[in-house]
Amino acid sequence: GQPLVILEALAAGLLVVSTRHAAIVRTIEDGVTGRLLETKCSAEELAAVLSELLDDPAGLARMSAAARRAYEMRYTLAACHRNLRAVFEDAL
């Protein structure tokens, strides 16, 4: 399933750093709305990704803004309504 904390982070405009696991790969676009690491990554690999993010404030801001946009486009009540309406219109 989808960890709720991932959606909460997107809603807050925070990029997500996570592993490639289950629904997370359908929610987070690596390098756009966050960073995805292999499931069995090492602590050193995680530290390197975090360091890269901290060393690039412009990239961090870009991904954070993209995270919020992704949330608004896919997970708000208005987005759910729009998507459900499209499903019903296609069915008619």
Protein backbone atom coordinates (compact mmCIF):
# COMPACT_ATOMS: atom_id res chain seq x y z
CA GLY A 1 0.00 0.00 0.00
CA GLN A 2 0.76 3.67 -0.01
CA PRO A 3 2.29 5.02 3.21
CA LEU A 4 0.22 8.02 4.32
CA VAL A 5 3.37 9.91 5.29
CA ILE A 6 4.35 10.06 1.60
CA LEU A 7 1.11 11.89 0.74
CA GLU A 8 1.47 14.12 3.80
CA ALA A 9 4.95 15.13 2.68
CA LEU A 10 3.74 15.95 -0.84
CA ALA A 11 0.84 17.98 0.60
CA ALA A 12 3.32 19.96 2.70
CA GLY A 13 5.48 20.63 -0.35
CA LEU A 14 8.29 18.39 0.86
CA LEU A 15 10.21 16.16 -1.49
CA VAL A 16 10.42 12.52 -0.46
CA VAL A 17 13.53 10.39 -0.11
CA SER A 18 12.55 6.74 0.01
CA THR A 19 13.29 3.30 -1.31
CA ARG A 20 11.71 1.82 -4.42
CA HIS A 21 8.95 -0.08 -2.64
CA ALA A 22 5.36 -0.95 -3.56
CA ALA A 23 3.15 2.06 -4.30
CA ILE A 24 5.91 4.56 -3.56
CA VAL A 25 7.31 4.13 -7.07
CA ARG A 26 3.91 5.12 -8.51
CA THR A 27 3.80 8.24 -6.34
CA ILE A 28 7.34 9.60 -6.32
CA GLU A 29 9.11 10.39 -9.58
CA ASP A 30 12.84 10.05 -8.98
CA GLY A 31 14.62 13.36 -9.49
CA VAL A 32 11.32 15.24 -9.89
CA THR A 33 9.25 14.93 -6.70
CA GLY A 34 11.96 13.28 -4.64
CA ARG A 35 14.66 10.66 -4.74
CA LEU A 36 14.24 6.90 -4.82
CA LEU A 37 16.94 4.49 -3.71
CA GLU A 38 17.17 0.75 -4.14
CA THR A 39 15.41 -1.18 -1.39
CA LYS A 40 18.63 -2.54 0.06
CA CYS A 41 20.71 0.62 -0.24
CA SER A 42 23.52 1.24 2.21
CA ALA A 43 23.68 4.00 4.78
CA GLU A 44 26.47 5.52 2.70
CA GLU A 45 24.23 5.63 -0.41
CA LEU A 46 21.46 7.31 1.58
CA ALA A 47 23.93 9.81 3.03
CA ALA A 48 25.27 10.60 -0.45
CA VAL A 49 21.76 11.34 -1.79
CA LEU A 50 20.92 13.52 1.21
CA SER A 51 24.22 15.36 0.83
CA GLU A 52 23.54 15.99 -2.88
CA LEU A 53 20.14 17.43 -2.03
CA LEU A 54 21.52 19.69 0.69
CA ASP A 55 24.28 20.91 -1.62
CA ASP A 56 21.73 21.98 -4.26
CA PRO A 57 19.24 24.44 -2.72
CA ALA A 58 17.77 25.32 -6.14
CA GLY A 59 17.19 21.65 -6.95
CA LEU A 60 15.73 21.09 -3.51
CA ALA A 61 13.29 23.98 -4.04
CA ARG A 62 12.41 22.72 -7.54
CA MET A 63 11.63 19.20 -6.30
CA SER A 64 9.69 20.53 -3.31
CA ALA A 65 7.51 22.67 -5.58
CA ALA A 66 7.01 19.71 -7.94
CA ALA A 67 5.99 17.55 -4.97
CA ARG A 68 3.27 20.01 -4.00
CA ARG A 69 2.04 20.26 -7.62
CA ALA A 70 1.91 16.47 -7.87
CA TYR A 71 -0.20 16.33 -4.73
CA GLU A 72 -2.59 18.97 -6.04
CA MET A 73 -2.91 17.23 -9.42
CA ARG A 74 -3.51 13.72 -8.07
CA TYR A 75 -4.53 13.58 -4.42
CA THR A 76 -6.73 16.52 -3.44
CA LEU A 77 -10.49 16.17 -3.21
CA ALA A 78 -10.84 18.23 -6.39
CA ALA A 79 -8.41 15.92 -8.22
CA CYS A 80 -10.26 12.82 -7.04
CA HIS A 81 -13.57 14.38 -8.14
CA ARG A 82 -12.12 15.29 -11.54
CA ASN A 83 -10.72 11.78 -12.04
CA LEU A 84 -13.92 10.07 -10.94
CA ARG A 85 -15.97 12.31 -13.21
CA ALA A 86 -13.71 11.40 -16.15
CA VAL A 87 -14.22 7.70 -15.44
CA PHE A 88 -18.01 8.11 -15.46
CA GLU A 89 -17.95 10.28 -18.60
CA ASP A 90 -15.83 7.67 -20.38
CA ALA A 91 -18.28 4.97 -19.34
CA LEU A 92 -21.25 6.82 -20.86
